[in-house]
């Protein structure tokens, strides 16, 4: 028997275009927007791992300075 994973709640802010696109995609795939968001986070963590790529963090920091 598989163990049920306990989920933690997180709040994110999206711009209205991204929010609408997420909703459309969720309806088209017949899943929840929360499921899509969790999947995207898992994919990101699989790609970058715990330590990530330093250049990604630097680019994000520079982006927010503008």
Protein backbone atom coordinates (compact mmCIF):
# COMPACT_ATOMS: atom_id res chain seq x y z
CA UNK A 1 0.00 0.00 0.00
CA UNK A 2 1.33 3.46 -0.83
CA UNK A 3 1.65 6.07 1.86
CA UNK A 4 -0.46 9.16 1.28
CA UNK A 5 1.67 12.30 1.09
CA UNK A 6 0.74 15.12 3.42
CA UNK A 7 0.47 18.37 1.53
CA UNK A 8 1.46 21.78 2.86
CA UNK A 9 -0.36 24.91 1.74
CA UNK A 10 1.54 27.67 -0.06
CA UNK A 11 0.31 30.96 -1.46
CA UNK A 12 1.66 32.33 -4.72
CA UNK A 13 0.88 35.44 -6.73
CA UNK A 14 0.45 35.26 -10.50
CA UNK A 15 -0.24 37.97 -13.00
CA UNK A 16 -3.72 37.78 -14.51
CA UNK A 17 -2.56 36.38 -17.87
CA UNK A 18 -0.63 33.52 -16.23
CA UNK A 19 -3.54 32.81 -13.88
CA UNK A 20 -5.99 32.64 -16.79
CA UNK A 21 -3.65 30.41 -18.83
CA UNK A 22 -3.22 28.08 -15.85
CA UNK A 23 -6.98 27.79 -15.49
CA UNK A 24 -7.48 27.07 -19.20
CA UNK A 25 -4.75 24.42 -19.18
CA UNK A 26 -6.17 22.79 -16.05
CA UNK A 27 -9.64 22.59 -17.60
CA UNK A 28 -8.25 21.22 -20.87
CA UNK A 29 -6.26 18.54 -19.00
CA UNK A 30 -9.14 17.86 -16.56
CA UNK A 31 -6.93 18.47 -13.51
CA UNK A 32 -6.83 21.20 -10.88
CA UNK A 33 -4.67 24.30 -11.10
CA UNK A 34 -3.11 23.15 -7.83
CA UNK A 35 -2.09 19.84 -9.41
CA UNK A 36 -0.50 21.67 -12.36
CA UNK A 37 1.36 23.98 -10.00
CA UNK A 38 2.67 21.07 -7.90
CA UNK A 39 3.78 19.28 -11.06
CA UNK A 40 5.61 22.39 -12.31
CA UNK A 41 7.41 22.74 -8.97
CA UNK A 42 8.39 19.04 -9.02
CA UNK A 43 9.72 19.40 -12.58
CA UNK A 44 11.74 22.49 -11.56
CA UNK A 45 13.20 20.70 -8.53
CA UNK A 46 14.03 17.64 -10.63
CA UNK A 47 15.85 19.89 -13.09
CA UNK A 48 17.74 22.08 -10.61
CA UNK A 49 17.86 19.94 -7.47
CA UNK A 50 18.37 21.32 -4.00
CA UNK A 51 21.31 23.48 -4.94
CA UNK A 52 20.08 24.78 -8.27
CA UNK A 53 22.28 26.50 -10.75
CA UNK A 54 24.02 29.61 -9.39
CA UNK A 55 23.55 31.51 -12.64
CA UNK A 56 19.78 31.03 -12.40
CA UNK A 57 19.67 32.67 -8.97
CA UNK A 58 21.85 35.54 -10.18
CA UNK A 59 19.69 36.14 -13.25
CA UNK A 60 16.54 36.19 -11.12
CA UNK A 61 18.10 38.66 -8.68
CA UNK A 62 19.19 40.93 -11.54
CA UNK A 63 15.73 40.74 -13.08
CA UNK A 64 14.12 42.09 -9.89
CA UNK A 65 16.57 45.01 -9.67
CA UNK A 66 15.27 46.49 -12.95
